[in-house]
Amino acid sequence: MDQLGIIRYIETTFAGVNVVTGTEGIAAGDTFFFYDPDRTLEGKDQQPFATIVIKDYGEFDNASDLDRPGVFRLNIHVSKKTFAAQVGATGDHHDYTALDVLMPHPVYAPQFWICVLNPSESTFARLQPLLAEAYDRAAARLARRRRVADPQAG
């Protein structure tokens, strides 16, 4: 599965998704998927439920060796329960450079992010329910924030 196929799948499957591809700076070329049906979220209110990253971020995030030609990492923010069921404990050893292997995110595993480098079609099919969960969680998070901000609205 290539990056464009993943982007198309997310755009066409989930309503209210804002797809943002960085055009400059550190995020240039990386793609972020936000649940933002009104396209009004800014700054810290923007929390992606999935990302596609195409390069290393210095010493902060280089375990996947994304600077290899053609390598990208799909990252998905899942629940604690799903994280444990899919990839086990964050302390387990993983080869973060392995292609087409579901594993904890090398940096954001403690926040229950999972990842796959260059998922195959069959692996991507297994990821689709995880993307749906991440999307549903993002939609619920925004609904909660809106209820807190305006208790009369909900």
N, C-alpha and C. Protein backbone atom coordinates (compact mmCIF):
# COMPACT_ATOMS: atom_id res chain seq x y z
N MET A 1 0.86 -1.18 0.00
CA MET A 1 0.00 0.00 0.00
C MET A 1 0.90 1.23 0.00
N ASP A 2 0.63 2.15 -0.88
CA ASP A 2 1.45 3.36 -0.90
C ASP A 2 0.78 4.48 -0.11
N GLN A 3 1.52 5.56 0.10
CA GLN A 3 1.00 6.68 0.89
C GLN A 3 -0.27 7.26 0.30
N LEU A 4 -0.30 7.44 -1.00
CA LEU A 4 -1.47 8.03 -1.64
C LEU A 4 -2.70 7.15 -1.44
N GLY A 5 -2.54 5.86 -1.51
CA GLY A 5 -3.65 4.94 -1.28
C GLY A 5 -4.19 5.04 0.14
N ILE A 6 -3.28 5.18 1.09
CA ILE A 6 -3.70 5.33 2.49
C ILE A 6 -4.44 6.65 2.67
N ILE A 7 -3.89 7.71 2.11
CA ILE A 7 -4.54 9.03 2.21
C ILE A 7 -5.94 8.97 1.60
N ARG A 8 -6.06 8.40 0.42
CA ARG A 8 -7.38 8.29 -0.24
C ARG A 8 -8.35 7.48 0.60
N TYR A 9 -7.87 6.38 1.16
CA TYR A 9 -8.74 5.54 1.98
C TYR A 9 -9.29 6.35 3.15
N ILE A 10 -8.43 7.04 3.88
CA ILE A 10 -8.87 7.80 5.05
C ILE A 10 -9.81 8.93 4.65
N GLU A 11 -9.46 9.65 3.59
CA GLU A 11 -10.30 10.77 3.12
C GLU A 11 -11.70 10.31 2.71
N THR A 12 -11.79 9.17 2.07
CA THR A 12 -13.08 8.73 1.53
C THR A 12 -13.87 7.86 2.50
N THR A 13 -13.23 7.35 3.53
CA THR A 13 -13.91 6.45 4.47
C THR A 13 -14.50 7.21 5.66
N PHE A 14 -13.81 8.23 6.11
CA PHE A 14 -14.20 8.89 7.35
C PHE A 14 -14.63 10.33 7.08
N ALA A 15 -15.86 10.65 7.48
CA ALA A 15 -16.40 12.00 7.28
C ALA A 15 -15.73 12.99 8.23
N GLY A 16 -15.60 14.22 7.78
CA GLY A 16 -15.10 15.28 8.65
C GLY A 16 -13.60 15.27 8.89
N VAL A 17 -12.87 14.55 8.06
CA VAL A 17 -11.42 14.48 8.23
C VAL A 17 -10.75 15.61 7.47
N ASN A 18 -9.86 16.29 8.15
CA ASN A 18 -9.03 17.31 7.53
C ASN A 18 -7.65 16.70 7.35
N VAL A 19 -7.23 16.57 6.10
CA VAL A 19 -5.92 15.99 5.78
C VAL A 19 -4.96 17.14 5.53
N VAL A 20 -3.89 17.18 6.30
CA VAL A 20 -2.93 18.27 6.19
C VAL A 20 -1.56 17.66 5.90
N THR A 21 -0.97 18.08 4.79
CA THR A 21 0.39 17.66 4.45
C THR A 21 1.29 18.86 4.64
N GLY A 22 2.31 18.67 5.46
CA GLY A 22 3.24 19.77 5.73
C GLY A 22 3.94 20.22 4.47
N THR A 23 4.10 21.52 4.32
CA THR A 23 4.74 22.08 3.13
C THR A 23 6.08 22.73 3.43
N GLU A 24 6.37 22.94 4.70
CA GLU A 24 7.65 23.57 5.03
C GLU A 24 8.08 23.16 6.43
N GLY A 25 9.31 23.43 6.72
CA GLY A 25 9.84 23.15 8.05
C GLY A 25 9.95 21.67 8.35
N ILE A 26 9.92 21.36 9.61
CA ILE A 26 10.15 19.99 10.06
C ILE A 26 9.06 19.03 9.57
N ALA A 27 7.86 19.50 9.37
CA ALA A 27 6.75 18.63 8.96
C ALA A 27 6.60 18.50 7.44
N ALA A 28 7.49 19.10 6.68
CA ALA A 28 7.37 19.08 5.22
C ALA A 28 7.27 17.64 4.72
N GLY A 29 6.21 17.36 3.98
CA GLY A 29 6.01 16.05 3.38
C GLY A 29 5.26 15.06 4.24
N ASP A 30 5.16 15.32 5.55
CA ASP A 30 4.42 14.44 6.44
C ASP A 30 2.93 14.79 6.36
N THR A 31 2.08 13.79 6.58
CA THR A 31 0.64 13.97 6.46
C THR A 31 -0.02 13.69 7.79
N PHE A 32 -0.95 14.55 8.16
CA PHE A 32 -1.66 14.48 9.44
C PHE A 32 -3.15 14.39 9.17
N PHE A 33 -3.83 13.51 9.91
CA PHE A 33 -5.26 13.30 9.75
C PHE A 33 -5.96 13.74 11.04
N PHE A 34 -6.77 14.79 10.91
CA PHE A 34 -7.49 15.36 12.05
C PHE A 34 -8.99 15.15 11.85
N TYR A 35 -9.68 14.88 12.94
CA TYR A 35 -11.13 14.96 12.87
C TYR A 35 -11.46 16.42 13.16
N ASP A 36 -11.90 17.12 12.14
CA ASP A 36 -12.17 18.56 12.22
C ASP A 36 -13.21 18.91 11.17
N PRO A 37 -14.47 18.48 11.40
CA PRO A 37 -15.48 18.64 10.36
C PRO A 37 -15.77 20.07 9.94
N ASP A 38 -15.53 21.01 10.84
CA ASP A 38 -15.78 22.42 10.53
C ASP A 38 -14.53 23.16 10.07
N ARG A 39 -13.39 22.47 10.08
CA ARG A 39 -12.10 23.07 9.71
C ARG A 39 -11.82 24.32 10.54
N THR A 40 -12.09 24.21 11.86
CA THR A 40 -11.92 25.37 12.73
C THR A 40 -10.87 25.15 13.82
N LEU A 41 -10.37 23.93 13.97
CA LEU A 41 -9.42 23.67 15.04
C LEU A 41 -8.07 24.28 14.72
N GLU A 42 -7.43 24.81 15.76
CA GLU A 42 -6.11 25.41 15.60
C GLU A 42 -5.22 25.01 16.76
N GLY A 43 -3.92 25.13 16.54
CA GLY A 43 -2.93 24.95 17.60
C GLY A 43 -3.09 23.65 18.36
N LYS A 44 -3.09 23.76 19.69
CA LYS A 44 -3.11 22.57 20.54
C LYS A 44 -4.43 21.80 20.45
N ASP A 45 -5.47 22.41 19.90
CA ASP A 45 -6.74 21.70 19.72
C ASP A 45 -6.67 20.69 18.57
N GLN A 46 -5.67 20.83 17.73
CA GLN A 46 -5.49 19.88 16.63
C GLN A 46 -4.73 18.67 17.15
N GLN A 47 -5.41 17.55 17.22
CA GLN A 47 -4.79 16.31 17.66
C GLN A 47 -5.02 15.28 16.56
N PRO A 48 -3.99 14.89 15.82
CA PRO A 48 -4.21 13.92 14.77
C PRO A 48 -4.57 12.55 15.35
N PHE A 49 -5.38 11.81 14.60
CA PHE A 49 -5.68 10.44 15.00
C PHE A 49 -4.80 9.46 14.23
N ALA A 50 -4.18 9.95 13.18
CA ALA A 50 -3.23 9.15 12.40
C ALA A 50 -2.28 10.11 11.68
N THR A 51 -1.10 9.61 11.35
CA THR A 51 -0.12 10.40 10.60
C THR A 51 0.65 9.48 9.66
N ILE A 52 1.21 10.08 8.63
CA ILE A 52 2.18 9.40 7.77
C ILE A 52 3.44 10.25 7.81
N VAL A 53 4.53 9.64 8.24
CA VAL A 53 5.80 10.35 8.39
C VAL A 53 6.80 9.76 7.40
N ILE A 54 7.55 10.65 6.73
CA ILE A 54 8.43 10.20 5.65
C ILE A 54 9.92 10.38 5.94
N LYS A 55 10.24 10.90 7.13
CA LYS A 55 11.65 11.17 7.41
C LYS A 55 11.92 11.10 8.91
N ASP A 56 13.17 10.94 9.24
CA ASP A 56 13.59 10.97 10.63
C ASP A 56 13.52 12.40 11.16
N TYR A 57 13.38 12.51 12.48
CA TYR A 57 13.35 13.80 13.15
C TYR A 57 14.56 13.91 14.07
N GLY A 58 15.73 13.88 13.47
CA GLY A 58 16.96 14.00 14.26
C GLY A 58 17.06 12.91 15.30
N GLU A 59 17.64 13.23 16.43
CA GLU A 59 17.78 12.24 17.50
C GLU A 59 16.47 11.98 18.23
N PHE A 60 15.49 12.85 18.05
CA PHE A 60 14.20 12.71 18.72
C PHE A 60 13.45 11.47 18.23
N ASP A 61 13.45 11.26 16.93
CA ASP A 61 12.69 10.14 16.35
C ASP A 61 13.42 9.64 15.12
N ASN A 62 14.36 8.73 15.34
CA ASN A 62 15.12 8.19 14.21
C ASN A 62 15.22 6.66 14.24
N ALA A 63 14.51 6.02 15.16
CA ALA A 63 14.61 4.57 15.33
C ALA A 63 14.12 3.79 14.11
N SER A 64 13.23 4.40 13.31
CA SER A 64 12.68 3.71 12.15
C SER A 64 13.53 3.85 10.90
N ASP A 65 14.56 4.68 10.97
CA ASP A 65 15.42 4.93 9.81
C ASP A 65 14.58 5.27 8.57
N LEU A 66 13.75 6.29 8.74
CA LEU A 66 12.84 6.70 7.66
C LEU A 66 13.56 7.44 6.53
N ASP A 67 14.83 7.71 6.69
CA ASP A 67 15.56 8.37 5.61
C ASP A 67 15.96 7.40 4.50
N ARG A 68 15.59 6.13 4.63
CA ARG A 68 15.83 5.18 3.54
C ARG A 68 14.89 5.50 2.38
N PRO A 69 15.34 5.33 1.16
CA PRO A 69 14.48 5.64 0.00
C PRO A 69 13.17 4.86 0.02
N GLY A 70 12.07 5.60 -0.13
CA GLY A 70 10.75 4.98 -0.25
C GLY A 70 10.12 4.50 1.04
N VAL A 71 10.75 4.71 2.17
CA VAL A 71 10.22 4.21 3.43
C VAL A 71 9.38 5.30 4.11
N PHE A 72 8.21 4.90 4.58
CA PHE A 72 7.35 5.81 5.34
C PHE A 72 6.73 5.03 6.49
N ARG A 73 6.22 5.76 7.47
CA ARG A 73 5.61 5.12 8.65
C ARG A 73 4.20 5.65 8.84
N LEU A 74 3.25 4.73 8.88
CA LEU A 74 1.87 5.05 9.23
C LEU A 74 1.73 4.89 10.73
N ASN A 75 1.26 5.94 11.40
CA ASN A 75 1.09 5.96 12.85
C ASN A 75 -0.39 6.10 13.16
N ILE A 76 -0.88 5.33 14.14
CA ILE A 76 -2.30 5.35 14.49
C ILE A 76 -2.44 5.42 16.01
N HIS A 77 -3.30 6.32 16.48
CA HIS A 77 -3.52 6.53 17.91
C HIS A 77 -4.71 5.69 18.36
N VAL A 78 -4.45 4.63 19.10
CA VAL A 78 -5.50 3.70 19.52
C VAL A 78 -5.70 3.76 21.03
N SER A 79 -6.68 3.02 21.51
CA SER A 79 -6.93 2.96 22.95
C SER A 79 -5.87 2.10 23.64
N LYS A 80 -5.78 2.23 24.93
CA LYS A 80 -4.84 1.42 25.71
C LYS A 80 -5.13 -0.07 25.53
N LYS A 81 -6.40 -0.43 25.55
CA LYS A 81 -6.80 -1.84 25.40
C LYS A 81 -6.39 -2.37 24.02
N THR A 82 -6.65 -1.61 22.99
CA THR A 82 -6.28 -2.03 21.64
C THR A 82 -4.78 -2.10 21.49
N PHE A 83 -4.09 -1.13 22.03
CA PHE A 83 -2.63 -1.13 21.99
C PHE A 83 -2.08 -2.43 22.57
N ALA A 84 -2.54 -2.77 23.76
CA ALA A 84 -2.05 -3.99 24.42
C ALA A 84 -2.39 -5.23 23.61
N ALA A 85 -3.59 -5.28 23.05
CA ALA A 85 -4.01 -6.45 22.27
C ALA A 85 -3.21 -6.58 20.97
N GLN A 86 -2.81 -5.46 20.38
CA GLN A 86 -2.15 -5.49 19.09
C GLN A 86 -0.64 -5.64 19.18
N VAL A 87 -0.02 -4.94 20.13
CA VAL A 87 1.45 -4.92 20.15
C VAL A 87 2.07 -5.25 21.50
N GLY A 88 1.28 -5.50 22.51
CA GLY A 88 1.84 -5.85 23.81
C GLY A 88 2.35 -4.65 24.57
N ALA A 89 3.30 -4.90 25.43
CA ALA A 89 3.83 -3.86 26.31
C ALA A 89 4.81 -2.96 25.57
N THR A 90 4.90 -1.72 26.01
CA THR A 90 5.81 -0.76 25.38
C THR A 90 7.26 -1.11 25.62
N GLY A 91 7.54 -1.88 26.68
CA GLY A 91 8.92 -2.20 27.00
C GLY A 91 9.50 -3.35 26.19
N ASP A 92 8.67 -4.03 25.42
CA ASP A 92 9.16 -5.14 24.60
C ASP A 92 10.14 -4.62 23.55
N HIS A 93 11.08 -5.47 23.16
CA HIS A 93 12.04 -5.08 22.13
C HIS A 93 11.40 -5.22 20.75
N HIS A 94 11.63 -4.23 19.92
CA HIS A 94 11.10 -4.24 18.56
C HIS A 94 12.18 -3.74 17.59
N ASP A 95 12.15 -4.29 16.40
CA ASP A 95 13.00 -3.79 15.33
C ASP A 95 12.20 -2.70 14.61
N TYR A 96 12.41 -1.46 15.01
CA TYR A 96 11.63 -0.35 14.48
C TYR A 96 11.93 -0.04 13.02
N THR A 97 12.90 -0.73 12.44
CA THR A 97 13.22 -0.53 11.02
C THR A 97 12.53 -1.56 10.14
N ALA A 98 11.87 -2.55 10.72
CA ALA A 98 11.24 -3.63 9.96
C ALA A 98 10.04 -3.11 9.17
N LEU A 99 9.96 -3.50 7.92
CA LEU A 99 8.84 -3.11 7.07
C LEU A 99 7.66 -4.06 7.29
N ASP A 100 6.46 -3.51 7.17
CA ASP A 100 5.22 -4.29 7.17
C ASP A 100 5.01 -5.08 8.46
N VAL A 101 5.40 -4.50 9.60
CA VAL A 101 5.23 -5.14 10.90
C VAL A 101 4.53 -4.15 11.83
N LEU A 102 3.41 -4.56 12.40
CA LEU A 102 2.71 -3.72 13.36
C LEU A 102 3.49 -3.72 14.68
N MET A 103 3.77 -2.53 15.20
CA MET A 103 4.58 -2.42 16.41
C MET A 103 4.23 -1.12 17.14
N PRO A 104 4.69 -0.99 18.39
CA PRO A 104 4.50 0.28 19.10
C PRO A 104 5.29 1.39 18.40
N HIS A 105 4.79 2.59 18.45
CA HIS A 105 5.53 3.73 17.91
C HIS A 105 6.81 3.87 18.72
N PRO A 106 7.95 4.14 18.08
CA PRO A 106 9.22 4.21 18.81
C PRO A 106 9.30 5.35 19.83
N VAL A 107 8.50 6.39 19.68
CA VAL A 107 8.53 7.52 20.61
C VAL A 107 7.21 7.63 21.38
N TYR A 108 6.09 7.50 20.69
CA TYR A 108 4.78 7.77 21.28
C TYR A 108 4.03 6.53 21.74
N ALA A 109 4.70 5.42 21.90
CA ALA A 109 4.05 4.22 22.44
C ALA A 109 3.41 4.48 23.81
N PRO A 110 4.04 5.25 24.71
CA PRO A 110 3.40 5.48 26.01
C PRO A 110 2.04 6.19 25.91
N GLN A 111 1.79 6.86 24.78
CA GLN A 111 0.49 7.49 24.55
C GLN A 111 -0.41 6.60 23.68
N PHE A 112 0.00 5.35 23.49
CA PHE A 112 -0.77 4.33 22.77
C PHE A 112 -0.87 4.58 21.27
N TRP A 113 0.26 4.96 20.69
CA TRP A 113 0.39 5.05 19.24
C TRP A 113 1.05 3.77 18.75
N ILE A 114 0.51 3.22 17.68
CA ILE A 114 1.11 2.07 17.01
C ILE A 114 1.57 2.51 15.63
N CYS A 115 2.39 1.70 14.98
CA CYS A 115 2.88 2.10 13.67
C CYS A 115 3.22 0.89 12.81
N VAL A 116 3.32 1.16 11.52
CA VAL A 116 3.76 0.18 10.53
C VAL A 116 4.55 0.93 9.48
N LEU A 117 5.70 0.42 9.13
CA LEU A 117 6.48 0.97 8.02
C LEU A 117 6.05 0.26 6.75
N ASN A 118 5.67 1.03 5.74
CA ASN A 118 5.31 0.51 4.43
C ASN A 118 4.38 -0.71 4.52
N PRO A 119 3.14 -0.51 5.03
CA PRO A 119 2.24 -1.65 5.15
C PRO A 119 1.87 -2.23 3.79
N SER A 120 1.81 -3.55 3.73
CA SER A 120 1.33 -4.24 2.52
C SER A 120 -0.19 -4.09 2.45
N GLU A 121 -0.78 -4.51 1.36
CA GLU A 121 -2.25 -4.47 1.22
C GLU A 121 -2.90 -5.29 2.32
N SER A 122 -2.38 -6.49 2.60
CA SER A 122 -3.00 -7.34 3.62
C SER A 122 -2.83 -6.74 5.02
N THR A 123 -1.69 -6.17 5.31
CA THR A 123 -1.50 -5.52 6.61
C THR A 123 -2.42 -4.31 6.72
N PHE A 124 -2.54 -3.54 5.63
CA PHE A 124 -3.41 -2.37 5.68
C PHE A 124 -4.86 -2.78 5.93
N ALA A 125 -5.28 -3.90 5.39
CA ALA A 125 -6.63 -4.39 5.65
C ALA A 125 -6.82 -4.65 7.15
N ARG A 126 -5.78 -5.16 7.81
CA ARG A 126 -5.84 -5.40 9.26
C ARG A 126 -5.84 -4.08 10.04
N LEU A 127 -5.28 -3.03 9.45
CA LEU A 127 -5.21 -1.72 10.12
C LEU A 127 -6.52 -0.94 10.02
N GLN A 128 -7.36 -1.28 9.07
CA GLN A 128 -8.57 -0.49 8.86
C GLN A 128 -9.47 -0.39 10.09
N PRO A 129 -9.69 -1.47 10.85
CA PRO A 129 -10.46 -1.30 12.09
C PRO A 129 -9.74 -0.43 13.12
N LEU A 130 -8.43 -0.44 13.11
CA LEU A 130 -7.67 0.40 14.04
C LEU A 130 -7.79 1.86 13.66
N LEU A 131 -7.79 2.14 12.36
CA LEU A 131 -8.02 3.51 11.90
C LEU A 131 -9.43 3.97 12.27
N ALA A 132 -10.40 3.07 12.14
CA ALA A 132 -11.78 3.41 12.51
C ALA A 132 -11.87 3.73 14.00
N GLU A 133 -11.19 2.94 14.81
CA GLU A 133 -11.19 3.21 16.25
C GLU A 133 -10.55 4.57 16.53
N ALA A 134 -9.42 4.84 15.92
CA ALA A 134 -8.73 6.12 16.13
C ALA A 134 -9.61 7.29 15.71
N TYR A 135 -10.28 7.15 14.59
CA TYR A 135 -11.20 8.18 14.10
C TYR A 135 -12.35 8.38 15.10
N ASP A 136 -12.97 7.29 15.54
CA ASP A 136 -14.09 7.38 16.48
C ASP A 136 -13.64 8.04 17.79
N ARG A 137 -12.46 7.72 18.25
CA ARG A 137 -11.95 8.33 19.47
C ARG A 137 -11.72 9.82 19.28
N ALA A 138 -11.22 10.21 18.11
CA ALA A 138 -10.99 11.64 17.83
C ALA A 138 -12.32 12.39 17.77
N ALA A 139 -13.33 11.79 17.15
CA ALA A 139 -14.65 12.43 17.07
C ALA A 139 -15.26 12.57 18.46
N ALA A 140 -15.13 11.55 19.29
CA ALA A 140 -15.66 11.61 20.65
C ALA A 140 -14.92 12.66 21.47
N ARG A 141 -13.60 12.76 21.29
CA ARG A 141 -12.81 13.75 22.01
C ARG A 141 -13.27 15.17 21.66
N LEU A 142 -13.50 15.42 20.38
CA LEU A 142 -13.97 16.75 19.97
C LEU A 142 -15.36 17.03 20.52
N ALA A 143 -16.23 16.04 20.50
CA ALA A 143 -17.58 16.23 21.04
C ALA A 143 -17.51 16.55 22.54
N ARG A 144 -16.65 15.85 23.29
CA ARG A 144 -16.48 16.15 24.72
C ARG A 144 -15.98 17.57 24.93
N ARG A 145 -14.98 17.98 24.14
CA ARG A 145 -14.43 19.34 24.28
C ARG A 145 -15.51 20.38 24.01
N ARG A 146 -16.32 20.12 23.02
CA ARG A 146 -17.39 21.09 22.69
C ARG A 146 -18.44 21.14 23.79
N ARG A 147 -18.76 19.99 24.41
CA ARG A 147 -19.72 19.99 25.50
C ARG A 147 -19.18 20.75 26.71
N VAL A 148 -17.88 20.59 26.98
CA VAL A 148 -17.26 21.31 28.10
C VAL A 148 -17.24 22.80 27.83
N ALA A 149 -16.93 23.17 26.59
CA ALA A 149 -16.84 24.58 26.22
C ALA A 149 -18.22 25.25 26.21
N ASP A 150 -19.27 24.47 25.88
CA ASP A 150 -20.62 25.03 25.79
C ASP A 150 -21.61 24.00 26.32
N PRO A 151 -21.76 23.90 27.64
CA PRO A 151 -22.64 22.89 28.23
C PRO A 151 -24.09 22.98 27.73
N GLN A 152 -24.53 24.16 27.30
CA GLN A 152 -25.90 24.33 26.81
C GLN A 152 -26.10 23.65 25.44
N ALA A 153 -25.01 23.45 24.72
CA ALA A 153 -25.09 22.90 23.35
C ALA A 153 -25.33 21.40 23.36
N GLY A 154 -24.98 20.70 24.41
CA GLY A 154 -25.06 19.26 24.34
C GLY A 154 -25.88 18.65 25.37
